[in-house]
Amino acid sequence: MAGPLTTAEVADRLGKSKKTISQHAKRGHIPGAFQPFGKDWRFDRDQFEAWLDAQKAGDPWRAPKGARR
């Protein structure tokens, strides 16, 4: 099982800067985001993938089941 995604990995996948991803994570716009020990953001891989699939399917506001907003 792969671990959580880093801010850099999510930024690369979305074509955004790490700063932009951090801002969206802080606002709760990316499901599965968490900050271990108050450091850089990490993203639950399964929740992020489900959210990204929903984005691609044309439903940008659908959060995966069980995701916190």
Protein backbone atom coordinates (compact mmCIF):
# COMPACT_ATOMS: atom_id res chain seq x y z
CA MET A 1 0.00 0.00 0.00
CA ALA A 2 1.39 3.38 -0.99
CA GLY A 3 1.60 6.17 1.54
CA PRO A 4 0.00 9.59 1.34
CA LEU A 5 0.75 12.02 -1.46
CA THR A 6 2.92 15.07 -0.82
CA THR A 7 2.04 18.64 -1.71
CA ALA A 8 4.56 18.48 -4.56
CA GLU A 9 2.97 15.31 -5.97
CA VAL A 10 -0.53 16.80 -5.87
CA ALA A 11 0.75 20.07 -7.39
CA ASP A 12 2.35 18.13 -10.22
CA ARG A 13 -0.80 16.09 -10.86
CA LEU A 14 -2.98 19.22 -10.95
CA GLY A 15 -0.52 21.50 -12.75
CA LYS A 16 -0.54 24.02 -9.89
CA SER A 17 2.09 25.43 -7.56
CA LYS A 18 2.76 23.93 -4.14
CA LYS A 19 1.62 27.23 -2.59
CA THR A 20 -1.74 27.03 -4.39
CA ILE A 21 -2.24 23.42 -3.30
CA SER A 22 -1.42 24.34 0.31
CA GLN A 23 -3.94 27.19 0.21
CA HIS A 24 -6.67 24.91 -1.16
CA ALA A 25 -5.85 22.24 1.42
CA LYS A 26 -6.06 24.78 4.24
CA ARG A 27 -9.49 25.88 3.00
CA GLY A 28 -10.70 22.28 2.81
CA HIS A 29 -11.06 22.27 -0.98
CA ILE A 30 -9.07 19.07 -1.48
CA PRO A 31 -10.48 15.97 0.27
CA GLY A 32 -8.13 13.86 2.33
CA ALA A 33 -5.74 16.70 3.19
CA PHE A 34 -4.00 16.60 6.56
CA GLN A 35 -0.96 18.16 8.24
CA PRO A 36 1.05 15.67 10.28
CA PHE A 37 2.79 17.44 13.14
CA GLY A 38 1.92 20.87 11.68
CA LYS A 39 4.28 20.45 8.76
CA ASP A 40 3.71 20.20 5.03
CA TRP A 41 0.36 18.97 3.80
CA ARG A 42 -0.21 15.33 2.96
CA PHE A 43 -3.15 13.87 1.04
CA ASP A 44 -4.86 10.53 1.48
CA ARG A 45 -4.14 8.83 -1.82
CA ASP A 46 -7.52 7.05 -2.15
CA GLN A 47 -9.58 10.16 -1.33
CA PHE A 48 -7.50 12.31 -3.67
CA GLU A 49 -7.80 9.80 -6.52
CA ALA A 50 -11.59 9.54 -6.05
CA TRP A 51 -11.89 13.33 -5.98
CA LEU A 52 -9.71 13.67 -9.08
CA ASP A 53 -11.82 11.07 -10.91
CA ALA A 54 -14.96 13.05 -9.99
CA GLN A 55 -13.30 16.21 -11.35
CA LYS A 56 -12.56 14.46 -14.64
CA ALA A 57 -16.11 13.11 -14.80
CA GLY A 58 -17.43 16.67 -14.77
CA ASP A 59 -18.75 16.78 -11.21
CA PRO A 60 -16.28 19.14 -9.50
CA TRP A 61 -18.18 19.45 -6.23
CA ARG A 62 -18.73 15.75 -5.56
CA ALA A 63 -16.64 14.67 -2.61
CA PRO A 64 -15.82 10.99 -2.21
CA LYS A 65 -17.85 9.09 0.34
CA GLY A 66 -16.51 9.69 3.82
CA ALA A 67 -14.45 12.73 2.85
CA ARG A 68 -14.33 15.67 5.20
CA ARG A 69 -14.93 19.13 3.85
